[in-house]
Full PDB file with SEQRES, HELIX, SHEET, SSBOND, CRYST1, ORIGX, SCALE, CONECT and MASTER records, all heavy atoms in Angstrom:
SEQRES   1 A   35  ARG ASN ALA ASP VAL ARG ALA PHE SER GLU ARG TRP LYS          
SEQRES   2 A   35  GLN ALA GLY ASP VAL VAL PRO TYR LEU ASN ILE SER LYS          
SEQRES   3 A   35  THR GLY GLY GLN THR TYR THR TYR SER                          
HELIX    1 AA1 ARG A    6  SER A    9  1                                   4    
HELIX    2 AA2 ILE A   24  LYS A   26  5                                   3    
CRYST1    1.000    1.000    1.000  90.00  90.00  90.00 P 1           1          
ORIGX1      1.000000  0.000000  0.000000        0.00000                         
ORIGX2      0.000000  1.000000  0.000000        0.00000                         
ORIGX3      0.000000  0.000000  1.000000        0.00000                         
SCALE1      1.000000  0.000000  0.000000        0.00000                         
SCALE2      0.000000  1.000000  0.000000        0.00000                         
SCALE3      0.000000  0.000000  1.000000        0.00000                         
ATOM      1  N   ARG A   1       7.180  -9.314  -6.721  1.00  0.00           N  
ATOM      2  CA  ARG A   1       6.634 -10.578  -6.774  1.00  0.00           C  
ATOM      3  C   ARG A   1       5.100 -10.567  -7.063  1.00  0.00           C  
ATOM      4  O   ARG A   1       4.576  -9.510  -7.007  1.00  0.00           O  
ATOM      5  CB  ARG A   1       6.903 -11.219  -5.366  1.00  0.00           C  
ATOM      6  CG  ARG A   1       8.424 -11.423  -5.091  1.00  0.00           C  
ATOM      7  CD  ARG A   1       8.561 -12.007  -3.640  1.00  0.00           C  
ATOM      8  NE  ARG A   1      10.008 -12.234  -3.324  1.00  0.00           N  
ATOM      9  CZ  ARG A   1      10.644 -13.316  -3.632  1.00  0.00           C  
ATOM     10  NH1 ARG A   1      10.088 -14.328  -4.317  1.00  0.00           N  
ATOM     11  NH2 ARG A   1      12.007 -13.402  -3.300  1.00  0.00           N  
ATOM     12  N   ASN A   2       4.512 -11.750  -7.184  1.00  0.00           N  
ATOM     13  CA  ASN A   2       3.151 -11.812  -7.436  1.00  0.00           C  
ATOM     14  C   ASN A   2       2.392 -11.227  -6.215  1.00  0.00           C  
ATOM     15  O   ASN A   2       2.791 -11.559  -5.099  1.00  0.00           O  
ATOM     16  CB  ASN A   2       2.684 -13.280  -7.763  1.00  0.00           C  
ATOM     17  CG  ASN A   2       3.173 -13.786  -9.065  1.00  0.00           C  
ATOM     18  OD1 ASN A   2       3.484 -12.921  -9.885  1.00  0.00           O  
ATOM     19  ND2 ASN A   2       3.171 -15.016  -9.138  1.00  0.00           N  
ATOM     20  N   ALA A   3       1.210 -10.590  -6.497  1.00  0.00           N  
ATOM     21  CA  ALA A   3       0.460  -9.983  -5.400  1.00  0.00           C  
ATOM     22  C   ALA A   3      -1.016  -9.891  -5.817  1.00  0.00           C  
ATOM     23  O   ALA A   3      -1.325  -9.891  -7.059  1.00  0.00           O  
ATOM     24  CB  ALA A   3       1.146  -8.630  -5.003  1.00  0.00           C  
ATOM     25  N   ASP A   4      -1.830  -9.757  -4.811  1.00  0.00           N  
ATOM     26  CA  ASP A   4      -3.245  -9.457  -5.084  1.00  0.00           C  
ATOM     27  C   ASP A   4      -3.390  -8.100  -5.825  1.00  0.00           C  
ATOM     28  O   ASP A   4      -2.594  -7.186  -5.592  1.00  0.00           O  
ATOM     29  CB  ASP A   4      -3.920  -9.407  -3.702  1.00  0.00           C  
ATOM     30  CG  ASP A   4      -5.476  -9.313  -3.807  1.00  0.00           C  
ATOM     31  OD1 ASP A   4      -5.941  -8.442  -4.440  1.00  0.00           O  
ATOM     32  OD2 ASP A   4      -6.071 -10.334  -3.371  1.00  0.00           O  
ATOM     33  N   VAL A   5      -4.323  -8.068  -6.705  1.00  0.00           N  
ATOM     34  CA  VAL A   5      -4.513  -6.780  -7.512  1.00  0.00           C  
ATOM     35  C   VAL A   5      -4.827  -5.598  -6.667  1.00  0.00           C  
ATOM     36  O   VAL A   5      -4.360  -4.478  -6.966  1.00  0.00           O  
ATOM     37  CB  VAL A   5      -5.634  -7.011  -8.502  1.00  0.00           C  
ATOM     38  CG1 VAL A   5      -6.984  -7.151  -7.936  1.00  0.00           C  
ATOM     39  CG2 VAL A   5      -5.636  -5.861  -9.509  1.00  0.00           C  
ATOM     40  N   ARG A   6      -5.342  -5.845  -5.405  1.00  0.00           N  
ATOM     41  CA  ARG A   6      -5.691  -4.664  -4.568  1.00  0.00           C  
ATOM     42  C   ARG A   6      -4.299  -4.038  -4.065  1.00  0.00           C  
ATOM     43  O   ARG A   6      -4.370  -2.895  -3.572  1.00  0.00           O  
ATOM     44  CB  ARG A   6      -6.445  -5.205  -3.328  1.00  0.00           C  
ATOM     45  CG  ARG A   6      -7.853  -5.572  -3.701  1.00  0.00           C  
ATOM     46  CD  ARG A   6      -8.596  -6.223  -2.545  1.00  0.00           C  
ATOM     47  NE  ARG A   6      -8.065  -7.463  -2.173  1.00  0.00           N  
ATOM     48  CZ  ARG A   6      -8.334  -8.211  -1.155  1.00  0.00           C  
ATOM     49  NH1 ARG A   6      -9.372  -7.723  -0.364  1.00  0.00           N  
ATOM     50  NH2 ARG A   6      -7.900  -9.377  -0.865  1.00  0.00           N  
ATOM     51  N   ALA A   7      -3.197  -4.756  -4.141  1.00  0.00           N  
ATOM     52  CA  ALA A   7      -1.870  -4.198  -3.679  1.00  0.00           C  
ATOM     53  C   ALA A   7      -1.553  -2.996  -4.583  1.00  0.00           C  
ATOM     54  O   ALA A   7      -0.738  -2.194  -4.168  1.00  0.00           O  
ATOM     55  CB  ALA A   7      -0.849  -5.289  -3.807  1.00  0.00           C  
ATOM     56  N   PHE A   8      -2.131  -2.914  -5.830  1.00  0.00           N  
ATOM     57  CA  PHE A   8      -1.878  -1.799  -6.623  1.00  0.00           C  
ATOM     58  C   PHE A   8      -3.021  -0.823  -6.843  1.00  0.00           C  
ATOM     59  O   PHE A   8      -2.793   0.357  -7.059  1.00  0.00           O  
ATOM     60  CB  PHE A   8      -1.252  -2.187  -7.970  1.00  0.00           C  
ATOM     61  CG  PHE A   8      -0.019  -2.948  -7.837  1.00  0.00           C  
ATOM     62  CD1 PHE A   8       0.072  -4.352  -7.746  1.00  0.00           C  
ATOM     63  CD2 PHE A   8       1.223  -2.309  -7.761  1.00  0.00           C  
ATOM     64  CE1 PHE A   8       1.227  -5.067  -7.634  1.00  0.00           C  
ATOM     65  CE2 PHE A   8       2.374  -2.929  -7.718  1.00  0.00           C  
ATOM     66  CZ  PHE A   8       2.382  -4.301  -7.523  1.00  0.00           C  
ATOM     67  N   SER A   9      -4.161  -1.438  -6.872  1.00  0.00           N  
ATOM     68  CA  SER A   9      -5.383  -0.620  -7.224  1.00  0.00           C  
ATOM     69  C   SER A   9      -5.988   0.102  -6.047  1.00  0.00           C  
ATOM     70  O   SER A   9      -6.695   1.113  -6.267  1.00  0.00           O  
ATOM     71  CB  SER A   9      -6.492  -1.468  -7.835  1.00  0.00           C  
ATOM     72  OG  SER A   9      -6.846  -2.501  -6.898  1.00  0.00           O  
ATOM     73  N   GLU A  10      -5.675  -0.323  -4.818  1.00  0.00           N  
ATOM     74  CA  GLU A  10      -6.290   0.300  -3.518  1.00  0.00           C  
ATOM     75  C   GLU A  10      -5.309   0.919  -2.651  1.00  0.00           C  
ATOM     76  O   GLU A  10      -5.602   1.140  -1.452  1.00  0.00           O  
ATOM     77  CB  GLU A  10      -7.187  -0.772  -2.932  1.00  0.00           C  
ATOM     78  CG  GLU A  10      -8.314  -1.297  -3.761  1.00  0.00           C  
ATOM     79  CD  GLU A  10      -9.140  -2.288  -2.963  1.00  0.00           C  
ATOM     80  OE1 GLU A  10      -8.978  -2.279  -1.630  1.00  0.00           O  
ATOM     81  OE2 GLU A  10      -9.881  -3.022  -3.581  1.00  0.00           O  
ATOM     82  N   ARG A  11      -4.198   1.403  -3.178  1.00  0.00           N  
ATOM     83  CA  ARG A  11      -3.238   2.033  -2.252  1.00  0.00           C  
ATOM     84  C   ARG A  11      -2.983   3.422  -2.857  1.00  0.00           C  
ATOM     85  O   ARG A  11      -3.266   3.833  -3.964  1.00  0.00           O  
ATOM     86  CB  ARG A  11      -1.878   1.289  -2.309  1.00  0.00           C  
ATOM     87  CG  ARG A  11      -1.125   1.231  -3.538  1.00  0.00           C  
ATOM     88  CD  ARG A  11       0.288   0.618  -3.229  1.00  0.00           C  
ATOM     89  NE  ARG A  11       0.294  -0.761  -2.857  1.00  0.00           N  
ATOM     90  CZ  ARG A  11       0.748  -1.161  -1.575  1.00  0.00           C  
ATOM     91  NH1 ARG A  11       1.125  -0.259  -0.699  1.00  0.00           N  
ATOM     92  NH2 ARG A  11       0.703  -2.399  -1.232  1.00  0.00           N  
ATOM     93  N   TRP A  12      -2.430   4.289  -1.910  1.00  0.00           N  
ATOM     94  CA  TRP A  12      -2.175   5.705  -2.143  1.00  0.00           C  
ATOM     95  C   TRP A  12      -1.094   5.875  -3.170  1.00  0.00           C  
ATOM     96  O   TRP A  12      -0.067   5.252  -3.220  1.00  0.00           O  
ATOM     97  CB  TRP A  12      -1.792   6.407  -0.877  1.00  0.00           C  
ATOM     98  CG  TRP A  12      -1.663   7.906  -0.876  1.00  0.00           C  
ATOM     99  CD1 TRP A  12      -2.747   8.730  -0.621  1.00  0.00           C  
ATOM    100  CD2 TRP A  12      -0.620   8.719  -1.278  1.00  0.00           C  
ATOM    101  NE1 TRP A  12      -2.395  10.105  -0.831  1.00  0.00           N  
ATOM    102  CE2 TRP A  12      -1.100  10.071  -1.261  1.00  0.00           C  
ATOM    103  CE3 TRP A  12       0.647   8.438  -1.800  1.00  0.00           C  
ATOM    104  CZ2 TRP A  12      -0.227  11.093  -1.539  1.00  0.00           C  
ATOM    105  CZ3 TRP A  12       1.516   9.426  -2.072  1.00  0.00           C  
ATOM    106  CH2 TRP A  12       1.084  10.788  -1.891  1.00  0.00           C  
ATOM    107  N   LYS A  13      -1.304   6.774  -4.130  1.00  0.00           N  
ATOM    108  CA  LYS A  13      -0.391   7.031  -5.293  1.00  0.00           C  
ATOM    109  C   LYS A  13      -0.043   8.534  -5.390  1.00  0.00           C  
ATOM    110  O   LYS A  13       1.021   8.913  -5.756  1.00  0.00           O  
ATOM    111  CB  LYS A  13      -0.959   6.514  -6.636  1.00  0.00           C  
ATOM    112  CG  LYS A  13      -1.259   5.015  -6.652  1.00  0.00           C  
ATOM    113  CD  LYS A  13      -1.656   4.572  -8.068  1.00  0.00           C  
ATOM    114  CE  LYS A  13      -2.143   3.114  -8.058  1.00  0.00           C  
ATOM    115  NZ  LYS A  13      -3.317   2.831  -7.244  1.00  0.00           N  
ATOM    116  N   GLN A  14      -1.181   9.299  -5.195  1.00  0.00           N  
ATOM    117  CA  GLN A  14      -0.983  10.756  -5.306  1.00  0.00           C  
ATOM    118  C   GLN A  14      -1.905  11.550  -4.335  1.00  0.00           C  
ATOM    119  O   GLN A  14      -2.871  10.907  -3.801  1.00  0.00           O  
ATOM    120  CB  GLN A  14      -1.303  11.147  -6.740  1.00  0.00           C  
ATOM    121  CG  GLN A  14      -2.753  10.888  -7.209  1.00  0.00           C  
ATOM    122  CD  GLN A  14      -2.895  11.184  -8.664  1.00  0.00           C  
ATOM    123  OE1 GLN A  14      -2.015  11.525  -9.403  1.00  0.00           O  
ATOM    124  NE2 GLN A  14      -4.139  11.046  -9.129  1.00  0.00           N  
ATOM    125  N   ALA A  15      -1.625  12.771  -4.097  1.00  0.00           N  
ATOM    126  CA  ALA A  15      -2.349  13.611  -3.195  1.00  0.00           C  
ATOM    127  C   ALA A  15      -3.834  13.648  -3.607  1.00  0.00           C  
ATOM    128  O   ALA A  15      -4.175  13.776  -4.736  1.00  0.00           O  
ATOM    129  CB  ALA A  15      -1.731  15.018  -3.081  1.00  0.00           C  
ATOM    130  N   GLY A  16      -4.653  13.396  -2.605  1.00  0.00           N  
ATOM    131  CA  GLY A  16      -6.086  13.319  -2.718  1.00  0.00           C  
ATOM    132  C   GLY A  16      -6.693  12.004  -2.929  1.00  0.00           C  
ATOM    133  O   GLY A  16      -7.953  11.859  -2.818  1.00  0.00           O  
ATOM    134  N   ASP A  17      -5.859  10.962  -2.953  1.00  0.00           N  
ATOM    135  CA  ASP A  17      -6.368   9.586  -3.021  1.00  0.00           C  
ATOM    136  C   ASP A  17      -6.936   9.204  -1.618  1.00  0.00           C  
ATOM    137  O   ASP A  17      -6.214   9.292  -0.525  1.00  0.00           O  
ATOM    138  CB  ASP A  17      -5.305   8.607  -3.425  1.00  0.00           C  
ATOM    139  CG  ASP A  17      -4.854   8.672  -4.846  1.00  0.00           C  
ATOM    140  OD1 ASP A  17      -5.659   9.287  -5.580  1.00  0.00           O  
ATOM    141  OD2 ASP A  17      -3.873   8.135  -5.280  1.00  0.00           O  
ATOM    142  N   VAL A  18      -8.183   8.675  -1.562  1.00  0.00           N  
ATOM    143  CA  VAL A  18      -8.745   8.187  -0.392  1.00  0.00           C  
ATOM    144  C   VAL A  18      -8.859   6.706  -0.478  1.00  0.00           C  
ATOM    145  O   VAL A  18      -9.739   6.093  -1.201  1.00  0.00           O  
ATOM    146  CB  VAL A  18     -10.223   8.791  -0.200  1.00  0.00           C  
ATOM    147  CG1 VAL A  18     -10.896   8.196   1.110  1.00  0.00           C  
ATOM    148  CG2 VAL A  18     -10.154  10.286  -0.195  1.00  0.00           C  
ATOM    149  N   VAL A  19      -7.900   6.061   0.103  1.00  0.00           N  
ATOM    150  CA  VAL A  19      -7.628   4.564  -0.102  1.00  0.00           C  
ATOM    151  C   VAL A  19      -7.367   3.904   1.142  1.00  0.00           C  
ATOM    152  O   VAL A  19      -7.001   4.536   2.142  1.00  0.00           O  
ATOM    153  CB  VAL A  19      -6.455   4.270  -1.127  1.00  0.00           C  
ATOM    154  CG1 VAL A  19      -6.891   4.736  -2.554  1.00  0.00           C  
ATOM    155  CG2 VAL A  19      -5.244   5.144  -0.705  1.00  0.00           C  
ATOM    156  N   PRO A  20      -7.435   2.632   1.318  1.00  0.00           N  
ATOM    157  CA  PRO A  20      -7.285   1.837   2.530  1.00  0.00           C  
ATOM    158  C   PRO A  20      -5.774   1.469   2.711  1.00  0.00           C  
ATOM    159  O   PRO A  20      -5.410   1.103   3.912  1.00  0.00           O  
ATOM    160  CB  PRO A  20      -8.102   0.609   2.374  1.00  0.00           C  
ATOM    161  CG  PRO A  20      -8.281   0.377   0.930  1.00  0.00           C  
ATOM    162  CD  PRO A  20      -8.090   1.754   0.270  1.00  0.00           C  
ATOM    163  N   TYR A  21      -4.903   1.578   1.636  1.00  0.00           N  
ATOM    164  CA  TYR A  21      -3.564   1.149   1.897  1.00  0.00           C  
ATOM    165  C   TYR A  21      -2.451   2.102   1.675  1.00  0.00           C  
ATOM    166  O   TYR A  21      -2.706   2.982   0.802  1.00  0.00           O  
ATOM    167  CB  TYR A  21      -3.239  -0.097   0.948  1.00  0.00           C  
ATOM    168  CG  TYR A  21      -4.235  -1.273   1.237  1.00  0.00           C  
ATOM    169  CD1 TYR A  21      -5.197  -1.650   0.243  1.00  0.00           C  
ATOM    170  CD2 TYR A  21      -4.137  -2.061   2.517  1.00  0.00           C  
ATOM    171  CE1 TYR A  21      -6.152  -2.610   0.534  1.00  0.00           C  
ATOM    172  CE2 TYR A  21      -5.090  -2.991   2.657  1.00  0.00           C  
ATOM    173  CZ  TYR A  21      -6.036  -3.419   1.756  1.00  0.00           C  
ATOM    174  OH  TYR A  21      -6.911  -4.402   1.974  1.00  0.00           O  
ATOM    175  N   LEU A  22      -1.280   1.974   2.251  1.00  0.00           N  
ATOM    176  CA  LEU A  22      -0.241   2.964   2.144  1.00  0.00           C  
ATOM    177  C   LEU A  22       0.389   2.911   0.725  1.00  0.00           C  
ATOM    178  O   LEU A  22       0.224   1.951  -0.055  1.00  0.00           O  
ATOM    179  CB  LEU A  22       0.905   2.514   3.162  1.00  0.00           C  
ATOM    180  CG  LEU A  22       0.539   2.721   4.624  1.00  0.00           C  
ATOM    181  CD1 LEU A  22       1.658   2.150   5.453  1.00  0.00           C  
ATOM    182  CD2 LEU A  22       0.423   4.270   5.039  1.00  0.00           C  
ATOM    183  N   ASN A  23       1.135   4.075   0.458  1.00  0.00           N  
ATOM    184  CA  ASN A  23       2.029   4.049  -0.717  1.00  0.00           C  
ATOM    185  C   ASN A  23       2.920   2.927  -0.689  1.00  0.00           C  
ATOM    186  O   ASN A  23       3.595   2.518   0.352  1.00  0.00           O  
ATOM    187  CB  ASN A  23       2.801   5.440  -0.624  1.00  0.00           C  
ATOM    188  CG  ASN A  23       3.501   5.629  -1.948  1.00  0.00           C  
ATOM    189  OD1 ASN A  23       3.801   4.658  -2.723  1.00  0.00           O  
ATOM    190  ND2 ASN A  23       4.021   6.893  -2.165  1.00  0.00           N  
ATOM    191  N   ILE A  24       3.159   2.307  -1.940  1.00  0.00           N  
ATOM    192  CA  ILE A  24       3.976   1.062  -1.948  1.00  0.00           C  
ATOM    193  C   ILE A  24       5.485   1.330  -1.593  1.00  0.00           C  
ATOM    194  O   ILE A  24       6.198   0.465  -1.071  1.00  0.00           O  
ATOM    195  CB  ILE A  24       3.913   0.513  -3.311  1.00  0.00           C  
ATOM    196  CG1 ILE A  24       4.397  -0.963  -3.356  1.00  0.00           C  
ATOM    197  CG2 ILE A  24       4.823   1.344  -4.353  1.00  0.00           C  
ATOM    198  CD1 ILE A  24       4.131  -1.671  -4.652  1.00  0.00           C  
ATOM    199  N   SER A  25       5.829   2.599  -1.643  1.00  0.00           N  
ATOM    200  CA  SER A  25       7.263   2.917  -1.220  1.00  0.00           C  
ATOM    201  C   SER A  25       7.410   2.844   0.195  1.00  0.00           C  
ATOM    202  O   SER A  25       8.484   2.828   0.829  1.00  0.00           O  
ATOM    203  CB  SER A  25       7.633   4.368  -1.715  1.00  0.00           C  
ATOM    204  OG  SER A  25       6.774   5.307  -1.067  1.00  0.00           O  
ATOM    205  N   LYS A  26       6.255   2.868   0.984  1.00  0.00           N  
ATOM    206  CA  LYS A  26       6.373   2.810   2.471  1.00  0.00           C  
ATOM    207  C   LYS A  26       6.361   1.330   3.030  1.00  0.00           C  
ATOM    208  O   LYS A  26       6.308   1.067   4.241  1.00  0.00           O  
ATOM    209  CB  LYS A  26       5.158   3.563   3.110  1.00  0.00           C  
ATOM    210  CG  LYS A  26       5.077   5.012   2.635  1.00  0.00           C  
ATOM    211  CD  LYS A  26       6.246   5.861   3.199  1.00  0.00           C  
ATOM    212  CE  LYS A  26       6.068   7.280   2.859  1.00  0.00           C  
ATOM    213  NZ  LYS A  26       7.157   8.068   3.449  1.00  0.00           N  
ATOM    214  N   THR A  27       6.242   0.392   2.182  1.00  0.00           N  
ATOM    215  CA  THR A  27       5.987  -0.974   2.578  1.00  0.00           C  
ATOM    216  C   THR A  27       7.088  -1.901   1.941  1.00  0.00           C  
ATOM    217  O   THR A  27       8.066  -1.463   1.365  1.00  0.00           O  
ATOM    218  CB  THR A  27       4.692  -1.673   2.104  1.00  0.00           C  
ATOM    219  OG1 THR A  27       4.665  -1.546   0.609  1.00  0.00           O  
ATOM    220  CG2 THR A  27       3.649  -0.670   2.612  1.00  0.00           C  
ATOM    221  N   GLY A  28       7.037  -3.183   2.204  1.00  0.00           N  
ATOM    222  CA  GLY A  28       7.878  -4.208   1.605  1.00  0.00           C  
ATOM    223  C   GLY A  28       9.030  -4.628   2.581  1.00  0.00           C  
ATOM    224  O   GLY A  28       9.852  -5.539   2.185  1.00  0.00           O  
ATOM    225  N   GLY A  29       9.084  -4.132   3.764  1.00  0.00           N  
ATOM    226  CA  GLY A  29      10.126  -4.637   4.774  1.00  0.00           C  
ATOM    227  C   GLY A  29       9.668  -5.776   5.505  1.00  0.00           C  
ATOM    228  O   GLY A  29       8.785  -6.443   5.207  1.00  0.00           O  
ATOM    229  N   GLN A  30      10.538  -6.097   6.514  1.00  0.00           N  
ATOM    230  CA  GLN A  30      10.230  -7.290   7.287  1.00  0.00           C  
ATOM    231  C   GLN A  30       9.680  -6.916   8.748  1.00  0.00           C  
ATOM    232  O   GLN A  30       9.535  -7.803   9.624  1.00  0.00           O  
ATOM    233  CB  GLN A  30      11.599  -8.123   7.515  1.00  0.00           C  
ATOM    234  CG  GLN A  30      12.191  -8.664   6.257  1.00  0.00           C  
ATOM    235  CD  GLN A  30      11.235  -9.608   5.461  1.00  0.00           C  
ATOM    236  OE1 GLN A  30      10.625 -10.450   6.158  1.00  0.00           O  
ATOM    237  NE2 GLN A  30      11.025  -9.343   4.171  1.00  0.00           N  
ATOM    238  N   THR A  31       9.369  -5.693   8.865  1.00  0.00           N  
ATOM    239  CA  THR A  31       8.761  -5.251  10.140  1.00  0.00           C  
ATOM    240  C   THR A  31       7.320  -4.721   9.802  1.00  0.00           C  
ATOM    241  O   THR A  31       7.137  -4.314   8.676  1.00  0.00           O  
ATOM    242  CB  THR A  31       9.568  -4.196  10.728  1.00  0.00           C  
ATOM    243  OG1 THR A  31       9.687  -3.148   9.980  1.00  0.00           O  
ATOM    244  CG2 THR A  31      10.903  -4.846  11.169  1.00  0.00           C  
ATOM    245  N   TYR A  32       6.527  -4.783  10.829  1.00  0.00           N  
ATOM    246  CA  TYR A  32       5.113  -4.322  10.626  1.00  0.00           C  
ATOM    247  C   TYR A  32       4.732  -3.296  11.769  1.00  0.00           C  
ATOM    248  O   TYR A  32       5.334  -3.239  12.799  1.00  0.00           O  
ATOM    249  CB  TYR A  32       4.243  -5.525  10.702  1.00  0.00           C  
ATOM    250  CG  TYR A  32       4.539  -6.659   9.808  1.00  0.00           C  
ATOM    251  CD1 TYR A  32       5.198  -7.755  10.190  1.00  0.00           C  
ATOM    252  CD2 TYR A  32       4.173  -6.635   8.455  1.00  0.00           C  
ATOM    253  CE1 TYR A  32       5.549  -8.820   9.389  1.00  0.00           C  
ATOM    254  CE2 TYR A  32       4.478  -7.630   7.507  1.00  0.00           C  
ATOM    255  CZ  TYR A  32       5.163  -8.775   8.011  1.00  0.00           C  
ATOM    256  OH  TYR A  32       5.520  -9.887   7.188  1.00  0.00           O  
ATOM    257  N   THR A  33       3.730  -2.505  11.360  1.00  0.00           N  
ATOM    258  CA  THR A  33       3.029  -1.605  12.310  1.00  0.00           C  
ATOM    259  C   THR A  33       1.645  -2.210  12.494  1.00  0.00           C  
ATOM    260  O   THR A  33       0.920  -2.387  11.529  1.00  0.00           O  
ATOM    261  CB  THR A  33       3.045  -0.180  11.855  1.00  0.00           C  
ATOM    262  OG1 THR A  33       2.335  -0.174  10.580  1.00  0.00           O  
ATOM    263  CG2 THR A  33       4.407   0.360  11.713  1.00  0.00           C  
ATOM    264  N   TYR A  34       1.300  -2.402  13.797  1.00  0.00           N  
ATOM    265  CA  TYR A  34      -0.036  -3.002  14.087  1.00  0.00           C  
ATOM    266  C   TYR A  34      -1.060  -1.899  14.364  1.00  0.00           C  
ATOM    267  O   TYR A  34      -1.041  -1.316  15.492  1.00  0.00           O  
ATOM    268  CB  TYR A  34       0.100  -4.082  15.216  1.00  0.00           C  
ATOM    269  CG  TYR A  34       1.172  -5.116  15.069  1.00  0.00           C  
ATOM    270  CD1 TYR A  34       2.288  -5.090  15.841  1.00  0.00           C  
ATOM    271  CD2 TYR A  34       0.989  -5.968  14.097  1.00  0.00           C  
ATOM    272  CE1 TYR A  34       3.223  -6.058  15.623  1.00  0.00           C  
ATOM    273  CE2 TYR A  34       2.017  -6.924  13.857  1.00  0.00           C  
ATOM    274  CZ  TYR A  34       3.111  -6.998  14.618  1.00  0.00           C  
ATOM    275  OH  TYR A  34       4.079  -7.889  14.350  1.00  0.00           O  
ATOM    276  N   SER A  35      -1.927  -1.740  13.451  1.00  0.00           N  
ATOM    277  CA  SER A  35      -3.052  -0.702  13.677  1.00  0.00           C  
ATOM    278  C   SER A  35      -4.308  -1.404  13.442  1.00  0.00           C  
ATOM    279  O   SER A  35      -4.481  -2.527  12.978  1.00  0.00           O  
ATOM    280  CB  SER A  35      -2.890   0.571  12.730  1.00  0.00           C  
ATOM    281  OG  SER A  35      -3.326   0.078  11.483  1.00  0.00           O  
TER     282      SER A  35                                                      
MASTER        0    0    0    2    0    0    0    6  281    1    0    3          
END                                                                             
């Protein structure tokens, strides 16, 4: 679905990435973790 560009540009993709968001494979469900 449509998303903010940060949903792809600022998330973890490979080892060594220092980013604020999780790998996209870890998200997309209907439950959340509150940190």
